[in-house]
C-alpha atoms as a PDB file:
ATOM      1  CA  MET A   1     129.891 108.499 104.564  1.00  0.00           C
ATOM      2  CA  SER A   2     131.449 108.292 108.016  1.00  0.00           C
ATOM      3  CA  THR A   3     131.154 105.250 110.262  1.00  0.00           C
ATOM      4  CA  ALA A   4     128.837 107.177 112.616  1.00  0.00           C
ATOM      5  CA  GLN A   5     126.580 108.101 109.722  1.00  0.00           C
ATOM      6  CA  GLU A   6     126.623 104.525 108.450  1.00  0.00           C
ATOM      7  CA  ASP A   7     125.639 103.275 111.906  1.00  0.00           C
ATOM      8  CA  LEU A   8     122.789 105.781 112.086  1.00  0.00           C
ATOM      9  CA  THR A   9     121.549 104.855 108.633  1.00  0.00           C
ATOM     10  CA  GLY A  10     121.873 101.132 109.341  1.00  0.00           C
ATOM     11  CA  ARG A  11     120.036 101.465 112.642  1.00  0.00           C
ATOM     12  CA  ALA A  12     117.163 103.363 111.016  1.00  0.00           C
ATOM     13  CA  ARG A  13     116.978 100.841 108.168  1.00  0.00           C
ATOM     14  CA  LEU A  14     116.824  97.952 110.636  1.00  0.00           C
ATOM     15  CA  ARG A  15     114.194  99.705 112.747  1.00  0.00           C
ATOM     16  CA  ASP A  16     111.994 100.404 109.731  1.00  0.00           C
ATOM     17  CA  ALA A  17     112.429  96.837 108.484  1.00  0.00           C
ATOM     18  CA  ALA A  18     111.436  95.570 111.930  1.00  0.00           C
ATOM     19  CA  ILE A  19     108.323  97.743 111.992  1.00  0.00           C
ATOM     20  CA  GLU A  20     107.279  96.316 108.640  1.00  0.00           C
ATOM     21  CA  CYS A  21     108.089  92.730 109.684  1.00  0.00           C
ATOM     22  CA  PHE A  22     106.249  93.011 112.994  1.00  0.00           C
ATOM     23  CA  ALA A  23     103.207  94.510 111.277  1.00  0.00           C
ATOM     24  CA  ALA A  24     103.232  91.940 108.480  1.00  0.00           C
ATOM     25  CA  ARG A  25     104.062  88.771 110.423  1.00  0.00           C
ATOM     26  CA  GLY A  26     103.638  89.543 114.111  1.00  0.00           C
ATOM     27  CA  PHE A  27     106.074  90.085 116.946  1.00  0.00           C
ATOM     28  CA  GLY A  28     107.389  86.548 116.734  1.00  0.00           C
ATOM     29  CA  GLU A  29     109.274  87.411 113.558  1.00  0.00           C
ATOM     30  CA  SER A  30     112.934  86.433 113.827  1.00  0.00           C
ATOM     31  CA  LEU A  31     115.872  88.806 113.906  1.00  0.00           C
ATOM     32  CA  ARG A  32     117.239  86.950 110.884  1.00  0.00           C
ATOM     33  CA  ALA A  33     114.094  87.754 108.882  1.00  0.00           C
ATOM     34  CA  ILE A  34     114.258  91.387 109.970  1.00  0.00           C
ATOM     35  CA  ALA A  35     117.918  91.623 108.945  1.00  0.00           C
ATOM     36  CA  ALA A  36     117.133  90.020 105.594  1.00  0.00           C
ATOM     37  CA  ARG A  37     114.392  92.550 104.931  1.00  0.00           C
ATOM     38  CA  ALA A  38     116.807  95.357 105.797  1.00  0.00           C
ATOM     39  CA  GLY A  39     119.473  93.842 103.569  1.00  0.00           C
ATOM     40  CA  VAL A  40     122.061  93.468 106.333  1.00  0.00           C
ATOM     41  CA  SER A  41     123.548  90.663 108.400  1.00  0.00           C
ATOM     42  CA  ALA A  42     121.730  89.365 111.478  1.00  0.00           C
ATOM     43  CA  GLY A  43     124.691  90.336 113.646  1.00  0.00           C
ATOM     44  CA  LEU A  44     124.036  93.996 112.940  1.00  0.00           C
ATOM     45  CA  VAL A  45     120.697  93.797 114.740  1.00  0.00           C
ATOM     46  CA  ARG A  46     122.405  92.998 118.027  1.00  0.00           C
ATOM     47  CA  HIS A  47     125.161  95.481 117.247  1.00  0.00           C
ATOM     48  CA  HIS A  48     122.647  98.322 116.959  1.00  0.00           C
ATOM     49  CA  PHE A  49     119.977  97.261 119.461  1.00  0.00           C
ATOM     50  CA  GLY A  50     121.465  94.643 121.746  1.00  0.00           C
ATOM     51  CA  SER A  51     118.303  92.539 121.920  1.00  0.00           C
ATOM     52  CA  LYS A  52     114.973  91.976 120.225  1.00  0.00           C
ATOM     53  CA  GLU A  53     113.234  93.607 123.201  1.00  0.00           C
ATOM     54  CA  GLU A  54     115.203  96.806 122.735  1.00  0.00           C
ATOM     55  CA  LEU A  55     114.512  96.731 119.015  1.00  0.00           C
ATOM     56  CA  ARG A  56     110.790  96.414 119.618  1.00  0.00           C
ATOM     57  CA  ALA A  57     110.849  99.215 122.185  1.00  0.00           C
ATOM     58  CA  GLU A  58     112.351 101.551 119.599  1.00  0.00           C
ATOM     59  CA  CYS A  59     109.832 100.354 117.000  1.00  0.00           C
ATOM     60  CA  ASP A  60     106.966 101.051 119.420  1.00  0.00           C
ATOM     61  CA  SER A  61     108.227 104.564 120.065  1.00  0.00           C
ATOM     62  CA  THR A  62     108.704 105.258 116.363  1.00  0.00           C
ATOM     63  CA  VAL A  63     105.261 103.941 115.433  1.00  0.00           C
ATOM     64  CA  LEU A  64     103.677 106.123 118.105  1.00  0.00           C
ATOM     65  CA  ASP A  65     105.523 109.187 116.801  1.00  0.00           C
ATOM     66  CA  ARG A  66     104.517 108.416 113.213  1.00  0.00           C
ATOM     67  CA  TYR A  67     100.912 107.820 114.229  1.00  0.00           C
ATOM     68  CA  ARG A  68     100.912 111.221 115.905  1.00  0.00           C
ATOM     69  CA  VAL A  69     102.180 112.888 112.720  1.00  0.00           C
ATOM     70  CA  PHE A  70      99.747 110.881 110.580  1.00  0.00           C
ATOM     71  CA  LYS A  71      96.805 111.887 112.780  1.00  0.00           C
ATOM     72  CA  ASN A  72      97.848 115.528 112.868  1.00  0.00           C
ATOM     73  CA  ASP A  73      98.292 115.617 109.088  1.00  0.00           C
ATOM     74  CA  SER A  74      94.834 114.085 108.662  1.00  0.00           C
ATOM     75  CA  LEU A  75      93.227 116.718 110.882  1.00  0.00           C
ATOM     76  CA  ASN A  76      94.957 119.518 109.009  1.00  0.00           C
ATOM     77  CA  THR A  77      94.221 118.245 105.503  1.00  0.00           C
ATOM     78  CA  PRO A  78      91.115 119.760 103.862  1.00  0.00           C
ATOM     79  CA  PRO A  79      88.325 117.178 103.281  1.00  0.00           C
ATOM     80  CA  THR A  80      88.568 117.844  99.542  1.00  0.00           C
ATOM     81  CA  ARG A  81      92.073 116.335  99.610  1.00  0.00           C
ATOM     82  CA  LEU A  82      91.890 113.983 102.564  1.00  0.00           C
ATOM     83  CA  PHE A  83      89.814 111.243 100.982  1.00  0.00           C
ATOM     84  CA  THR A  84      91.960 111.060  97.873  1.00  0.00           C
ATOM     85  CA  GLN A  85      95.081 110.450  99.960  1.00  0.00           C
ATOM     86  CA  LEU A  86      94.236 108.133 102.850  1.00  0.00           C
ATOM     87  CA  PRO A  87      92.705 105.057 101.163  1.00  0.00           C
ATOM     88  CA  ALA A  88      95.916 104.349  99.257  1.00  0.00           C
ATOM     89  CA  SER A  89      98.174 105.094 102.201  1.00  0.00           C
ATOM     90  CA  ARG A  90     100.464 102.087 102.625  1.00  0.00           C
ATOM     91  CA  ASP A  91     102.235 103.744 105.536  1.00  0.00           C
ATOM     92  CA  GLY A  92      98.933 104.411 107.284  1.00  0.00           C
ATOM     93  CA  GLY A  93      97.912 100.788 106.836  1.00  0.00           C
ATOM     94  CA  MET A  94     101.217  99.566 108.240  1.00  0.00           C
ATOM     95  CA  LEU A  95     100.860 101.772 111.339  1.00  0.00           C
ATOM     96  CA  MET A  96      97.294 100.577 111.811  1.00  0.00           C
ATOM     97  CA  VAL A  97      98.220  96.880 111.621  1.00  0.00           C
ATOM     98  CA  TYR A  98     101.219  97.333 113.927  1.00  0.00           C
ATOM     99  CA  ILE A  99      99.107  99.059 116.567  1.00  0.00           C
ATOM    100  CA  LEU A 100      96.338  96.461 116.281  1.00  0.00           C
ATOM    101  CA  ARG A 101      98.833  93.634 116.776  1.00  0.00           C
ATOM    102  CA  SER A 102     100.189  95.404 119.869  1.00  0.00           C
ATOM    103  CA  VAL A 103      96.710  95.786 121.334  1.00  0.00           C
ATOM    104  CA  GLN A 104      95.688  92.251 120.425  1.00  0.00           C
ATOM    105  CA  ASP A 105      98.664  90.583 122.105  1.00  0.00           C
ATOM    106  CA  GLY A 106      97.734  92.226 125.418  1.00  0.00           C
ATOM    107  CA  SER A 107     101.244  93.513 125.958  1.00  0.00           C
ATOM    108  CA  ALA A 108     102.338  96.563 127.902  1.00  0.00           C
ATOM    109  CA  ALA A 109     103.089  98.141 124.522  1.00  0.00           C
ATOM    110  CA  GLY A 110      99.462  97.672 123.502  1.00  0.00           C
ATOM    111  CA  ARG A 111      98.225  99.384 126.641  1.00  0.00           C
ATOM    112  CA  MET A 112     100.747 102.145 126.081  1.00  0.00           C
ATOM    113  CA  PHE A 113      99.442 102.657 122.552  1.00  0.00           C
ATOM    114  CA  VAL A 114      95.843 102.895 123.724  1.00  0.00           C
ATOM    115  CA  ASP A 115      96.665 105.259 126.592  1.00  0.00           C
ATOM    116  CA  SER A 116      98.817 107.423 124.332  1.00  0.00           C
ATOM    117  CA  MET A 117      96.156 107.486 121.622  1.00  0.00           C
ATOM    118  CA  VAL A 118      93.556 108.541 124.194  1.00  0.00           C
ATOM    119  CA  ALA A 119      95.794 111.308 125.550  1.00  0.00           C
ATOM    120  CA  GLU A 120      96.459 112.542 122.038  1.00  0.00           C
ATOM    121  CA  ALA A 121      92.773 112.301 121.160  1.00  0.00           C
ATOM    122  CA  VAL A 122      91.988 114.548 124.125  1.00  0.00           C
ATOM    123  CA  ASP A 123      94.490 117.104 122.817  1.00  0.00           C
ATOM    124  CA  PHE A 124      93.308 116.798 119.219  1.00  0.00           C
ATOM    125  CA  THR A 125      89.681 117.139 120.305  1.00  0.00           C
ATOM    126  CA  ALA A 126      90.398 120.163 122.483  1.00  0.00           C
ATOM    127  CA  ASP A 127      92.033 121.827 119.507  1.00  0.00           C
ATOM    128  CA  ALA A 128      89.123 120.846 117.240  1.00  0.00           C
ATOM    129  CA  VAL A 129      86.625 122.227 119.778  1.00  0.00           C
ATOM    130  CA  ALA A 130      88.564 125.494 119.949  1.00  0.00           C
ATOM    131  CA  ARG A 131      88.523 125.688 116.150  1.00  0.00           C
ATOM    132  CA  GLY A 132      84.778 125.073 116.014  1.00  0.00           C
ATOM    133  CA  LEU A 133      85.093 121.697 114.259  1.00  0.00           C
ATOM    134  CA  VAL A 134      83.815 119.530 117.123  1.00  0.00           C
ATOM    135  CA  VAL A 135      81.203 120.078 119.820  1.00  0.00           C
ATOM    136  CA  PRO A 136      82.500 120.026 123.417  1.00  0.00           C
ATOM    137  CA  SER A 137      81.795 117.142 125.790  1.00  0.00           C
ATOM    138  CA  ARG A 138      80.811 116.928 129.448  1.00  0.00           C
ATOM    139  CA  ASP A 139      83.780 114.590 129.913  1.00  0.00           C
ATOM    140  CA  GLU A 140      86.361 115.049 127.161  1.00  0.00           C
ATOM    141  CA  GLU A 141      88.631 112.229 128.337  1.00  0.00           C
ATOM    142  CA  ALA A 142      85.776 109.718 128.582  1.00  0.00           C
ATOM    143  CA  ARG A 143      84.610 110.614 125.089  1.00  0.00           C
ATOM    144  CA  ALA A 144      88.132 110.363 123.679  1.00  0.00           C
ATOM    145  CA  ARG A 145      88.682 106.965 125.303  1.00  0.00           C
ATOM    146  CA  PHE A 146      85.368 105.677 123.972  1.00  0.00           C
ATOM    147  CA  MET A 147      86.154 106.857 120.452  1.00  0.00           C
ATOM    148  CA  VAL A 148      89.622 105.295 120.493  1.00  0.00           C
ATOM    149  CA  GLN A 149      88.297 101.994 121.825  1.00  0.00           C
ATOM    150  CA  GLN A 150      85.475 101.991 119.286  1.00  0.00           C
ATOM    151  CA  SER A 151      87.923 102.663 116.481  1.00  0.00           C
ATOM    152  CA  ILE A 152      90.351  99.920 117.527  1.00  0.00           C
ATOM    153  CA  GLY A 153      87.537  97.435 118.102  1.00  0.00           C
ATOM    154  CA  SER A 154      86.034  98.231 114.727  1.00  0.00           C
ATOM    155  CA  MET A 155      89.369  97.643 112.985  1.00  0.00           C
ATOM    156  CA  LEU A 156      89.941  94.336 114.782  1.00  0.00           C
ATOM    157  CA  VAL A 157      86.490  93.021 113.885  1.00  0.00           C
ATOM    158  CA  ASN A 158      86.778  94.282 110.309  1.00  0.00           C
ATOM    159  CA  LEU A 159      90.056  92.430 109.740  1.00  0.00           C
ATOM    160  CA  ALA A 160      88.901  89.297 111.582  1.00  0.00           C
ATOM    161  CA  MET A 161      85.867  89.069 109.302  1.00  0.00           C
ATOM    162  CA  ARG A 162      87.971  89.445 106.156  1.00  0.00           C
ATOM    163  CA  PRO A 163      90.532  86.627 106.304  1.00  0.00           C
ATOM    164  CA  GLU A 164      91.096  86.942 102.574  1.00  0.00           C
ATOM    165  CA  ILE A 165      92.953  90.214 103.138  1.00  0.00           C
ATOM    166  CA  GLN A 166      96.649  89.658 103.737  1.00  0.00           C
ATOM    167  CA  LEU A 167      97.811  91.823 106.621  1.00  0.00           C
ATOM    168  CA  ASP A 168     101.112  92.518 104.872  1.00  0.00           C
ATOM    169  CA  ASP A 169      99.198  94.172 102.023  1.00  0.00           C
ATOM    170  CA  PHE A 170      99.048  97.392 103.982  1.00  0.00           C
ATOM    171  CA  ALA A 171      97.517  99.572 101.279  1.00  0.00           C
ATOM    172  CA  THR A 172      94.645  97.108 100.776  1.00  0.00           C
ATOM    173  CA  VAL A 173      94.092  96.854 104.537  1.00  0.00           C
ATOM    174  CA  MET A 174      93.711 100.622 104.771  1.00  0.00           C
ATOM    175  CA  ASP A 175      91.666 100.885 101.591  1.00  0.00           C
ATOM    176  CA  GLN A 176      89.202  98.179 102.664  1.00  0.00           C
ATOM    177  CA  TYR A 177      88.768  99.552 106.159  1.00  0.00           C
ATOM    178  CA  MET A 178      88.161 103.058 104.868  1.00  0.00           C
ATOM    179  CA  ALA A 179      85.633 101.766 102.340  1.00  0.00           C
ATOM    180  CA  ASP A 180      83.742  99.842 105.024  1.00  0.00           C
ATOM    181  CA  SER A 181      83.831 102.372 107.838  1.00  0.00           C
ATOM    182  CA  MET A 182      84.215 105.936 106.640  1.00  0.00           C
ATOM    183  CA  LEU A 183      80.624 106.666 105.567  1.00  0.00           C
ATOM    184  CA  PRO A 184      78.908 105.245 108.687  1.00  0.00           C
ATOM    185  CA  THR A 185      81.538 106.845 110.927  1.00  0.00           C
ATOM    186  CA  LEU A 186      81.073 110.287 109.417  1.00  0.00           C
ATOM    187  CA  GLU A 187      77.305 109.840 109.447  1.00  0.00           C
ATOM    188  CA  VAL A 188      77.258 109.018 113.162  1.00  0.00           C
ATOM    189  CA  TYR A 189      79.737 111.755 114.076  1.00  0.00           C
ATOM    190  CA  THR A 190      78.050 114.402 111.925  1.00  0.00           C
ATOM    191  CA  GLU A 191      74.332 113.621 112.054  1.00  0.00           C
ATOM    192  CA  GLY A 192      73.991 111.377 115.095  1.00  0.00           C
ATOM    193  CA  ILE A 193      71.426 108.601 115.430  1.00  0.00           C
ATOM    194  CA  PHE A 194      68.655 109.596 117.817  1.00  0.00           C
ATOM    195  CA  THR A 195      66.064 112.061 116.596  1.00  0.00           C
ATOM    196  CA  ASP A 196      65.720 113.765 119.985  1.00  0.00           C
ATOM    197  CA  ARG A 197      67.559 114.233 123.297  1.00  0.00           C
ATOM    198  CA  THR A 198      65.373 111.996 125.474  1.00  0.00           C
ATOM    199  CA  TYR A 199      67.900 109.263 126.280  1.00  0.00           C
ATOM    200  CA  LEU A 200      70.738 111.694 126.899  1.00  0.00           C
ATOM    201  CA  ASP A 201      68.643 113.989 129.073  1.00  0.00           C
ATOM    202  CA  GLU A 202      67.316 111.061 131.123  1.00  0.00           C
ATOM    203  CA  TYR A 203      70.813 109.697 131.672  1.00  0.00           C
ATOM    204  CA  VAL A 204      72.170 113.103 132.652  1.00  0.00           C
ATOM    205  CA  ALA A 205      69.310 113.443 135.146  1.00  0.00           C
ATOM    206  CA  PHE A 206      70.100 109.962 136.484  1.00  0.00           C
ATOM    207  CA  LEU A 207      73.771 110.837 136.932  1.00  0.00           C
ATOM    208  CA  ALA A 208      72.816 114.016 138.752  1.00  0.00           C
ATOM    209  CA  THR A 209      71.284 111.866 141.508  1.00  0.00           C
ATOM    210  CA  LYS A 210      74.627 110.179 142.167  1.00  0.00           C
ATOM    211  CA  THR A 211      76.940 111.316 144.933  1.00  0.00           C
ATOM    212  CA  ASN A 212      79.897 111.943 142.612  1.00  0.00           C
ATOM    213  CA  PRO A 213      78.753 112.748 139.066  1.00  0.00           C
ATOM    214  CA  PRO A 214      81.440 112.875 136.359  1.00  0.00           C
ATOM    215  CA  ALA A 215      83.535 116.020 136.205  1.00  0.00           C
ATOM    216  CA  GLY A 216      82.137 118.520 133.776  1.00  0.00           C
ATOM    217  CA  LEU A 217      78.607 117.131 133.965  1.00  0.00           C
ATOM    218  CA  ALA A 218      77.223 120.634 134.343  1.00  0.00           C
ATOM    219  CA  GLY A 219      78.416 121.531 130.867  1.00  0.00           C
ATOM    220  CA  GLU A 220      74.948 121.452 129.387  1.00  0.00           C
ATOM    221  CA  ALA A 221      76.132 123.693 126.578  1.00  0.00           C
ATOM    222  CA  ALA A 222      78.051 120.728 125.257  1.00  0.00           C
ATOM    223  CA  THR A 223      74.962 119.221 123.676  1.00  0.00           C
ATOM    224  CA  ARG A 224      73.115 122.299 122.524  1.00  0.00           C
END
């Protein structure tokens, strides 16, 4: 293997080790611990990334890319296969914990994750609407943002209420969250809660009295 190839492989190994360390222990994890997990010397971290900040920036970008692939794969996997794959997904659990830590620490990276997840949710939803899998919304971006925030909030509360679960046990984290949330989530998304349209219709009528109602409010077909 050439030196260039060795550098590329070493850089990727360090990045992946850092993602796992940050997810498992938080962003205060030392470069020495990251190097040890990667099986290299601590000096190689600075050789490849220069600083811990640059290392984290690359980890953030990689996690976002992997989340995008994970989400896309989930949407394109038939339900008959989906639920036999996701609960045991260690990689999915690691991505979930990493993103939650980023959101929880209030960093710019956390805000970037949320904004990126919302933007992707808008795209995913538009595709799902076009395919007939999801009903359209009067305000697609508002709905996507609400769903992302609900999902992140649900995960944070779920993990906070289960201190016995070790966050570095990524497969168990994913398995437990799926077991707790999947049925009620699918029930709400598929069957709804209210038995009639009264509250929605009254709120839509109320919004119509405002000077600047939300864009797309006239899309009454969205709820029929």
